């Protein structure tokens, strides 16, 4: 799921552009962020078992490691997208 609140998406909005994952007929139907996903999961009694994120500059030496660390701390800002594995809470 793409993260509409990611830093690149916010910068695109500030520049008056539609974030690339949210253009009509090219992107996704719903816009999510980390809090919205967690709220939806809780509402349906689901828990995150594993989460992976996609982040910018991942392959850049040193800077990629810094962004990876920041993504773990603040996924709502630095994650470009989320891939989650869920399980029903007991």
PDB file of N, CA and C in Angstrom:
ATOM      1  N   UNK A   1       0.830  -1.161   0.000  1.00  0.00           N
ATOM      2  CA  UNK A   1       0.000   0.000   0.000  1.00  0.00           C
ATOM      3  C   UNK A   1       0.883   1.236   0.000  1.00  0.00           C
ATOM      4  N   UNK A   2       0.632   2.162  -0.899  1.00  0.00           N
ATOM      5  CA  UNK A   2       1.450   3.372  -0.901  1.00  0.00           C
ATOM      6  C   UNK A   2       1.123   4.247   0.309  1.00  0.00           C
ATOM      7  N   UNK A   3       2.099   4.969   0.770  1.00  0.00           N
ATOM      8  CA  UNK A   3       1.941   5.869   1.912  1.00  0.00           C
ATOM      9  C   UNK A   3       1.796   7.289   1.387  1.00  0.00           C
ATOM     10  N   UNK A   4       0.600   7.827   1.463  1.00  0.00           N
ATOM     11  CA  UNK A   4       0.352   9.175   0.961  1.00  0.00           C
ATOM     12  C   UNK A   4       1.085  10.226   1.789  1.00  0.00           C
ATOM     13  N   UNK A   5       1.410   9.920   3.038  1.00  0.00           N
ATOM     14  CA  UNK A   5       2.080  10.890   3.908  1.00  0.00           C
ATOM     15  C   UNK A   5       3.597  10.860   3.808  1.00  0.00           C
ATOM     16  N   UNK A   6       4.150  10.079   2.901  1.00  0.00           N
ATOM     17  CA  UNK A   6       5.611  10.011   2.804  1.00  0.00           C
ATOM     18  C   UNK A   6       6.180  11.378   2.439  1.00  0.00           C
ATOM     19  N   UNK A   7       7.420  11.589   2.796  1.00  0.00           N
ATOM     20  CA  UNK A   7       8.078  12.861   2.516  1.00  0.00           C
ATOM     21  C   UNK A   7       8.043  13.219   1.027  1.00  0.00           C
ATOM     22  N   UNK A   8       8.354  12.280   0.114  1.00  0.00           N
ATOM     23  CA  UNK A   8       8.261  12.629  -1.309  1.00  0.00           C
ATOM     24  C   UNK A   8       6.839  13.028  -1.730  1.00  0.00           C
ATOM     25  N   UNK A   9       5.824  12.335  -1.225  1.00  0.00           N
ATOM     26  CA  UNK A   9       4.442  12.701  -1.565  1.00  0.00           C
ATOM     27  C   UNK A   9       4.105  14.089  -1.026  1.00  0.00           C
ATOM     28  N   UNK A  10       4.550  14.402   0.192  1.00  0.00           N
ATOM     29  CA  UNK A  10       4.298  15.731   0.768  1.00  0.00           C
ATOM     30  C   UNK A  10       4.973  16.817  -0.059  1.00  0.00           C
ATOM     31  N   UNK A  11       6.201  16.555  -0.498  1.00  0.00           N
ATOM     32  CA  UNK A  11       6.908  17.542  -1.317  1.00  0.00           C
ATOM     33  C   UNK A  11       6.207  17.752  -2.656  1.00  0.00           C
ATOM     34  N   UNK A  12       5.706  16.681  -3.244  1.00  0.00           N
ATOM     35  CA  UNK A  12       4.983  16.804  -4.506  1.00  0.00           C
ATOM     36  C   UNK A  12       3.729  17.658  -4.329  1.00  0.00           C
ATOM     37  N   UNK A  13       3.013  17.469  -3.211  1.00  0.00           N
ATOM     38  CA  UNK A  13       1.817  18.269  -2.932  1.00  0.00           C
ATOM     39  C   UNK A  13       2.204  19.730  -2.728  1.00  0.00           C
ATOM     40  N   UNK A  14       3.290  19.979  -1.981  1.00  0.00           N
ATOM     41  CA  UNK A  14       3.745  21.354  -1.765  1.00  0.00           C
ATOM     42  C   UNK A  14       4.106  22.050  -3.074  1.00  0.00           C
ATOM     43  N   UNK A  15       4.572  21.275  -4.040  1.00  0.00           N
ATOM     44  CA  UNK A  15       4.922  21.832  -5.343  1.00  0.00           C
ATOM     45  C   UNK A  15       3.717  21.906  -6.278  1.00  0.00           C
ATOM     46  N   UNK A  16       2.533  21.585  -5.746  1.00  0.00           N
ATOM     47  CA  UNK A  16       1.310  21.677  -6.537  1.00  0.00           C
ATOM     48  C   UNK A  16       1.066  20.494  -7.444  1.00  0.00           C
ATOM     49  N   UNK A  17       1.751  19.394  -7.212  1.00  0.00           N
ATOM     50  CA  UNK A  17       1.595  18.198  -8.038  1.00  0.00           C
ATOM     51  C   UNK A  17       0.810  17.130  -7.280  1.00  0.00           C
ATOM     52  N   UNK A  18       0.176  16.253  -8.039  1.00  0.00           N
ATOM     53  CA  UNK A  18      -0.472  15.089  -7.451  1.00  0.00           C
ATOM     54  C   UNK A  18       0.597  14.030  -7.261  1.00  0.00           C
ATOM     55  N   UNK A  19       0.706  13.434  -6.058  1.00  0.00           N
ATOM     56  CA  UNK A  19       1.702  12.377  -5.863  1.00  0.00           C
ATOM     57  C   UNK A  19       1.555  11.284  -6.921  1.00  0.00           C
ATOM     58  N   UNK A  20       2.683  10.787  -7.392  1.00  0.00           N
ATOM     59  CA  UNK A  20       2.699   9.865  -8.529  1.00  0.00           C
ATOM     60  C   UNK A  20       1.842   8.625  -8.350  1.00  0.00           C
ATOM     61  N   UNK A  21       1.685   8.133  -7.119  1.00  0.00           N
ATOM     62  CA  UNK A  21       0.851   6.943  -6.887  1.00  0.00           C
ATOM     63  C   UNK A  21      -0.633   7.266  -6.831  1.00  0.00           C
ATOM     64  N   UNK A  22      -1.002   8.523  -6.971  1.00  0.00           N
ATOM     65  CA  UNK A  22      -2.397   8.914  -6.782  1.00  0.00           C
ATOM     66  C   UNK A  22      -2.990   9.636  -7.980  1.00  0.00           C
ATOM     67  N   UNK A  23      -2.391   9.480  -9.146  1.00  0.00           N
ATOM     68  CA  UNK A  23      -2.937  10.098 -10.345  1.00  0.00           C
ATOM     69  C   UNK A  23      -4.099   9.246 -10.861  1.00  0.00           C
ATOM     70  N   UNK A  24      -5.148   9.881 -11.388  1.00  0.00           N
ATOM     71  CA  UNK A  24      -6.305   9.132 -11.884  1.00  0.00           C
ATOM     72  C   UNK A  24      -5.910   8.061 -12.887  1.00  0.00           C
ATOM     73  N   UNK A  25      -6.464   6.898 -12.722  1.00  0.00           N
ATOM     74  CA  UNK A  25      -6.284   5.737 -13.601  1.00  0.00           C
ATOM     75  C   UNK A  25      -4.834   5.248 -13.677  1.00  0.00           C
ATOM     76  N   UNK A  26      -3.962   5.746 -12.813  1.00  0.00           N
ATOM     77  CA  UNK A  26      -2.572   5.306 -12.826  1.00  0.00           C
ATOM     78  C   UNK A  26      -2.143   4.784 -11.465  1.00  0.00           C
ATOM     79  N   UNK A  27      -2.846   5.160 -10.446  1.00  0.00           N
ATOM     80  CA  UNK A  27      -2.402   4.842  -9.102  1.00  0.00           C
ATOM     81  C   UNK A  27      -3.404   3.992  -8.352  1.00  0.00           C
ATOM     82  N   UNK A  28      -3.525   4.278  -7.110  1.00  0.00           N
ATOM     83  CA  UNK A  28      -4.365   3.497  -6.222  1.00  0.00           C
ATOM     84  C   UNK A  28      -5.681   4.215  -5.931  1.00  0.00           C
ATOM     85  N   UNK A  29      -6.690   3.448  -5.590  1.00  0.00           N
ATOM     86  CA  UNK A  29      -8.014   4.006  -5.325  1.00  0.00           C
ATOM     87  C   UNK A  29      -8.045   4.718  -3.977  1.00  0.00           C
ATOM     88  N   UNK A  30      -7.386   4.159  -2.981  1.00  0.00           N
ATOM     89  CA  UNK A  30      -7.408   4.724  -1.633  1.00  0.00           C
ATOM     90  C   UNK A  30      -6.040   5.258  -1.249  1.00  0.00           C
ATOM     91  N   UNK A  31      -6.041   6.305  -0.467  1.00  0.00           N
ATOM     92  CA  UNK A  31      -4.809   6.877   0.056  1.00  0.00           C
ATOM     93  C   UNK A  31      -4.685   6.458   1.504  1.00  0.00           C
ATOM     94  N   UNK A  32      -3.570   5.866   1.868  1.00  0.00           N
ATOM     95  CA  UNK A  32      -3.351   5.382   3.218  1.00  0.00           C
ATOM     96  C   UNK A  32      -2.154   6.067   3.851  1.00  0.00           C
ATOM     97  N   UNK A  33      -2.125   6.003   5.156  1.00  0.00           N
ATOM     98  CA  UNK A  33      -0.915   6.315   5.905  1.00  0.00           C
ATOM     99  C   UNK A  33      -0.848   5.289   7.037  1.00  0.00           C
ATOM    100  N   UNK A  34       0.214   5.323   7.787  1.00  0.00           N
ATOM    101  CA  UNK A  34       0.441   4.304   8.814  1.00  0.00           C
ATOM    102  C   UNK A  34      -0.676   4.289   9.867  1.00  0.00           C
ATOM    103  N   UNK A  35      -1.128   5.459  10.309  1.00  0.00           N
ATOM    104  CA  UNK A  35      -2.177   5.518  11.319  1.00  0.00           C
ATOM    105  C   UNK A  35      -3.507   4.974  10.799  1.00  0.00           C
ATOM    106  N   UNK A  36      -3.846   5.291   9.563  1.00  0.00           N
ATOM    107  CA  UNK A  36      -5.097   4.789   8.975  1.00  0.00           C
ATOM    108  C   UNK A  36      -5.064   3.268   8.885  1.00  0.00           C
ATOM    109  N   UNK A  37      -3.935   2.721   8.440  1.00  0.00           N
ATOM    110  CA  UNK A  37      -3.816   1.265   8.356  1.00  0.00           C
ATOM    111  C   UNK A  37      -3.969   0.616   9.727  1.00  0.00           C
ATOM    112  N   UNK A  38      -3.266   1.138  10.720  1.00  0.00           N
ATOM    113  CA  UNK A  38      -3.366   0.566  12.068  1.00  0.00           C
ATOM    114  C   UNK A  38      -4.788   0.648  12.603  1.00  0.00           C
ATOM    115  N   UNK A  39      -5.467   1.727  12.331  1.00  0.00           N
ATOM    116  CA  UNK A  39      -6.856   1.879  12.769  1.00  0.00           C
ATOM    117  C   UNK A  39      -7.761   0.845  12.090  1.00  0.00           C
ATOM    118  N   UNK A  40      -7.571   0.651  10.782  1.00  0.00           N
ATOM    119  CA  UNK A  40      -8.358  -0.355  10.057  1.00  0.00           C
ATOM    120  C   UNK A  40      -8.082  -1.755  10.590  1.00  0.00           C
ATOM    121  N   UNK A  41      -6.811  -2.052  10.836  1.00  0.00           N
ATOM    122  CA  UNK A  41      -6.457  -3.375  11.338  1.00  0.00           C
ATOM    123  C   UNK A  41      -7.076  -3.618  12.708  1.00  0.00           C
ATOM    124  N   UNK A  42      -7.007  -2.636  13.586  1.00  0.00           N
ATOM    125  CA  UNK A  42      -7.572  -2.772  14.936  1.00  0.00           C
ATOM    126  C   UNK A  42      -9.085  -2.968  14.863  1.00  0.00           C
ATOM    127  N   UNK A  43      -9.734  -2.224  14.000  1.00  0.00           N
ATOM    128  CA  UNK A  43     -11.194  -2.328  13.841  1.00  0.00           C
ATOM    129  C   UNK A  43     -11.620  -3.738  13.437  1.00  0.00           C
ATOM    130  N   UNK A  44     -10.771  -4.414  12.687  1.00  0.00           N
ATOM    131  CA  UNK A  44     -11.089  -5.761  12.197  1.00  0.00           C
ATOM    132  C   UNK A  44     -10.342  -6.850  12.961  1.00  0.00           C
ATOM    133  N   UNK A  45      -9.826  -6.458  14.132  1.00  0.00           N
ATOM    134  CA  UNK A  45      -9.176  -7.401  15.043  1.00  0.00           C
ATOM    135  C   UNK A  45      -7.977  -8.112  14.399  1.00  0.00           C
ATOM    136  N   UNK A  46      -7.175  -7.338  13.671  1.00  0.00           N
ATOM    137  CA  UNK A  46      -5.994  -7.873  13.007  1.00  0.00           C
ATOM    138  C   UNK A  46      -4.733  -7.267  13.621  1.00  0.00           C
ATOM    139  N   UNK A  47      -3.689  -8.053  13.671  1.00  0.00           N
ATOM    140  CA  UNK A  47      -2.407  -7.591  14.208  1.00  0.00           C
ATOM    141  C   UNK A  47      -1.327  -7.742  13.146  1.00  0.00           C
ATOM    142  N   UNK A  48      -0.398  -6.796  13.121  1.00  0.00           N
ATOM    143  CA  UNK A  48       0.723  -6.874  12.196  1.00  0.00           C
ATOM    144  C   UNK A  48       1.735  -7.886  12.729  1.00  0.00           C
ATOM    145  N   UNK A  49       2.006  -8.906  11.935  1.00  0.00           N
ATOM    146  CA  UNK A  49       2.989  -9.919  12.286  1.00  0.00           C
ATOM    147  C   UNK A  49       4.355  -9.516  11.723  1.00  0.00           C
ATOM    148  N   UNK A  50       4.326  -8.968  10.527  1.00  0.00           N
ATOM    149  CA  UNK A  50       5.558  -8.547   9.870  1.00  0.00           C
ATOM    150  C   UNK A  50       5.225  -7.363   8.971  1.00  0.00           C
ATOM    151  N   UNK A  51       6.144  -6.400   8.929  1.00  0.00           N
ATOM    152  CA  UNK A  51       5.947  -5.252   8.043  1.00  0.00           C
ATOM    153  C   UNK A  51       7.267  -4.940   7.342  1.00  0.00           C
ATOM    154  N   UNK A  52       7.170  -4.725   6.062  1.00  0.00           N
ATOM    155  CA  UNK A  52       8.316  -4.280   5.271  1.00  0.00           C
ATOM    156  C   UNK A  52       7.940  -2.947   4.648  1.00  0.00           C
ATOM    157  N   UNK A  53       8.935  -2.125   4.475  1.00  0.00           N
ATOM    158  CA  UNK A  53       8.691  -0.820   3.880  1.00  0.00           C
ATOM    159  C   UNK A  53       9.607  -0.603   2.687  1.00  0.00           C
ATOM    160  N   UNK A  54       9.166   0.250   1.825  1.00  0.00           N
ATOM    161  CA  UNK A  54       9.962   0.693   0.694  1.00  0.00           C
ATOM    162  C   UNK A  54      10.310   2.141   1.013  1.00  0.00           C
ATOM    163  N   UNK A  55      11.553   2.517   0.831  1.00  0.00           N
ATOM    164  CA  UNK A  55      11.948   3.885   1.158  1.00  0.00           C
ATOM    165  C   UNK A  55      12.896   4.416   0.093  1.00  0.00           C
ATOM    166  N   UNK A  56      12.941   5.728  -0.018  1.00  0.00           N
ATOM    167  CA  UNK A  56      13.771   6.353  -1.043  1.00  0.00           C
ATOM    168  C   UNK A  56      15.244   6.299  -0.666  1.00  0.00           C
ATOM    169  N   UNK A  57      16.086   6.343  -1.684  1.00  0.00           N
ATOM    170  CA  UNK A  57      17.545   6.278  -1.554  1.00  0.00           C
ATOM    171  C   UNK A  57      18.016   5.008  -0.854  1.00  0.00           C
ATOM    172  N   UNK A  58      17.309   3.925  -1.022  1.00  0.00           N
ATOM    173  CA  UNK A  58      17.641   2.664  -0.355  1.00  0.00           C
ATOM    174  C   UNK A  58      19.022   2.143  -0.741  1.00  0.00           C
ATOM    175  N   UNK A  59      19.437   2.377  -1.968  1.00  0.00           N
ATOM    176  CA  UNK A  59      20.715   1.831  -2.440  1.00  0.00           C
ATOM    177  C   UNK A  59      21.884   2.788  -2.253  1.00  0.00           C
ATOM    178  N   UNK A  60      21.603   3.977  -1.766  1.00  0.00           N
ATOM    179  CA  UNK A  60      22.681   4.959  -1.587  1.00  0.00           C
ATOM    180  C   UNK A  60      23.534   4.590  -0.373  1.00  0.00           C
ATOM    181  N   UNK A  61      24.851   4.581  -0.536  1.00  0.00           N
ATOM    182  CA  UNK A  61      25.708   4.282   0.610  1.00  0.00           C
ATOM    183  C   UNK A  61      25.508   5.322   1.708  1.00  0.00           C
ATOM    184  N   UNK A  62      25.495   4.902   2.918  1.00  0.00           N
ATOM    185  CA  UNK A  62      25.348   5.696   4.140  1.00  0.00           C
ATOM    186  C   UNK A  62      23.979   6.371   4.208  1.00  0.00           C
ATOM    187  N   UNK A  63      23.630   7.190   3.220  1.00  0.00           N
ATOM    188  CA  UNK A  63      22.330   7.866   3.242  1.00  0.00           C
ATOM    189  C   UNK A  63      21.189   6.853   3.263  1.00  0.00           C
ATOM    190  N   UNK A  64      21.331   5.760   2.520  1.00  0.00           N
ATOM    191  CA  UNK A  64      20.311   4.707   2.517  1.00  0.00           C
ATOM    192  C   UNK A  64      20.136   4.101   3.898  1.00  0.00           C
ATOM    193  N   UNK A  65      21.233   3.911   4.627  1.00  0.00           N
ATOM    194  CA  UNK A  65      21.158   3.367   5.988  1.00  0.00           C
ATOM    195  C   UNK A  65      20.470   4.349   6.937  1.00  0.00           C
ATOM    196  N   UNK A  66      20.745   5.629   6.747  1.00  0.00           N
ATOM    197  CA  UNK A  66      20.107   6.664   7.580  1.00  0.00           C
ATOM    198  C   UNK A  66      18.604   6.689   7.324  1.00  0.00           C
ATOM    199  N   UNK A  67      18.203   6.669   6.042  1.00  0.00           N
ATOM    200  CA  UNK A  67      16.777   6.685   5.703  1.00  0.00           C
ATOM    201  C   UNK A  67      16.094   5.408   6.207  1.00  0.00           C
ATOM    202  N   UNK A  68      16.772   4.275   6.122  1.00  0.00           N
ATOM    203  CA  UNK A  68      16.207   3.017   6.632  1.00  0.00           C
ATOM    204  C   UNK A  68      15.944   3.128   8.133  1.00  0.00           C
ATOM    205  N   UNK A  69      16.897   3.685   8.877  1.00  0.00           N
ATOM    206  CA  UNK A  69      16.740   3.883  10.322  1.00  0.00           C
ATOM    207  C   UNK A  69      15.570   4.829  10.605  1.00  0.00           C
ATOM    208  N   UNK A  70      15.497   5.935   9.884  1.00  0.00           N
ATOM    209  CA  UNK A  70      14.407   6.896  10.077  1.00  0.00           C
ATOM    210  C   UNK A  70      13.055   6.293   9.716  1.00  0.00           C
ATOM    211  N   UNK A  71      13.045   5.415   8.706  1.00  0.00           N
ATOM    212  CA  UNK A  71      11.797   4.758   8.303  1.00  0.00           C
ATOM    213  C   UNK A  71      11.276   3.859   9.421  1.00  0.00           C
ATOM    214  N   UNK A  72      12.174   3.192  10.130  1.00  0.00           N
ATOM    215  CA  UNK A  72      11.745   2.348  11.259  1.00  0.00           C
ATOM    216  C   UNK A  72      11.204   3.196  12.402  1.00  0.00           C
ATOM    217  N   UNK A  73      11.811   4.365  12.623  1.00  0.00           N
ATOM    218  CA  UNK A  73      11.356   5.261  13.688  1.00  0.00           C
ATOM    219  C   UNK A  73      10.053   5.976  13.342  1.00  0.00           C
ATOM    220  N   UNK A  74       9.967   6.445  12.101  1.00  0.00           N
ATOM    221  CA  UNK A  74       8.819   7.246  11.675  1.00  0.00           C
ATOM    222  C   UNK A  74       8.314   6.777  10.313  1.00  0.00           C
ATOM    223  N   UNK A  75       7.659   5.618  10.274  1.00  0.00           N
ATOM    224  CA  UNK A  75       7.226   5.076   8.987  1.00  0.00           C
ATOM    225  C   UNK A  75       6.241   5.969   8.244  1.00  0.00           C
ATOM    226  N   UNK A  76       5.465   6.749   8.978  1.00  0.00           N
ATOM    227  CA  UNK A  76       4.468   7.593   8.328  1.00  0.00           C
ATOM    228  C   UNK A  76       5.112   8.683   7.472  1.00  0.00           C
ATOM    229  N   UNK A  77       6.338   9.059   7.778  1.00  0.00           N
ATOM    230  CA  UNK A  77       7.011  10.112   7.024  1.00  0.00           C
ATOM    231  C   UNK A  77       7.966   9.551   5.980  1.00  0.00           C
ATOM    232  N   UNK A  78       8.699   8.525   6.324  1.00  0.00           N
ATOM    233  CA  UNK A  78       9.775   8.071   5.449  1.00  0.00           C
ATOM    234  C   UNK A  78       9.451   6.845   4.594  1.00  0.00           C
ATOM    235  N   UNK A  79       8.447   6.062   4.938  1.00  0.00           N
ATOM    236  CA  UNK A  79       8.108   4.886   4.126  1.00  0.00           C
ATOM    237  C   UNK A  79       7.328   5.319   2.895  1.00  0.00           C
ATOM    238  N   UNK A  80       7.750   4.839   1.738  1.00  0.00           N
ATOM    239  CA  UNK A  80       7.007   5.109   0.506  1.00  0.00           C
ATOM    240  C   UNK A  80       5.800   4.187   0.392  1.00  0.00           C
ATOM    241  N   UNK A  81       5.948   2.983   0.917  1.00  0.00           N
ATOM    242  CA  UNK A  81       4.854   2.014   0.880  1.00  0.00           C
ATOM    243  C   UNK A  81       5.051   0.998   1.997  1.00  0.00           C
ATOM    244  N   UNK A  82       3.973   0.277   2.281  1.00  0.00           N
ATOM    245  CA  UNK A  82       3.978  -0.738   3.335  1.00  0.00           C
ATOM    246  C   UNK A  82       3.543  -2.066   2.744  1.00  0.00           C
ATOM    247  N   UNK A  83       4.208  -3.123   3.164  1.00  0.00           N
ATOM    248  CA  UNK A  83       3.777  -4.483   2.864  1.00  0.00           C
ATOM    249  C   UNK A  83       3.647  -5.145   4.226  1.00  0.00           C
ATOM    250  N   UNK A  84       2.446  -5.585   4.559  1.00  0.00           N
ATOM    251  CA  UNK A  84       2.219  -6.135   5.890  1.00  0.00           C
ATOM    252  C   UNK A  84       1.680  -7.554   5.820  1.00  0.00           C
ATOM    253  N   UNK A  85       2.082  -8.313   6.805  1.00  0.00           N
ATOM    254  CA  UNK A  85       1.533  -9.656   7.004  1.00  0.00           C
ATOM    255  C   UNK A  85       0.710  -9.545   8.285  1.00  0.00           C
ATOM    256  N   UNK A  86      -0.544  -9.945   8.199  1.00  0.00           N
ATOM    257  CA  UNK A  86      -1.480  -9.794   9.308  1.00  0.00           C
ATOM    258  C   UNK A  86      -1.941 -11.154   9.817  1.00  0.00           C
ATOM    259  N   UNK A  87      -2.391 -11.141  11.057  1.00  0.00           N
ATOM    260  CA  UNK A  87      -3.055 -12.323  11.598  1.00  0.00           C
ATOM    261  C   UNK A  87      -4.201 -11.853  12.486  1.00  0.00           C
ATOM    262  N   UNK A  88      -5.193 -12.696  12.583  1.00  0.00           N
ATOM    263  CA  UNK A  88      -6.353 -12.403  13.418  1.00  0.00           C
ATOM    264  C   UNK A  88      -5.902 -12.467  14.886  1.00  0.00           C
ATOM    265  N   UNK A  89      -6.283 -11.448  15.677  1.00  0.00           N
ATOM    266  CA  UNK A  89      -5.951 -11.464  17.100  1.00  0.00           C
ATOM    267  C   UNK A  89      -6.775 -12.534  17.789  1.00  0.00           C
ATOM    268  N   UNK A  90      -6.166 -13.111  18.816  1.00  0.00           N
ATOM    269  CA  UNK A  90      -6.865 -14.186  19.547  1.00  0.00           C
ATOM    270  C   UNK A  90      -7.729 -13.626  20.630  1.00  0.00           C
TER     271      UNK A  90
END
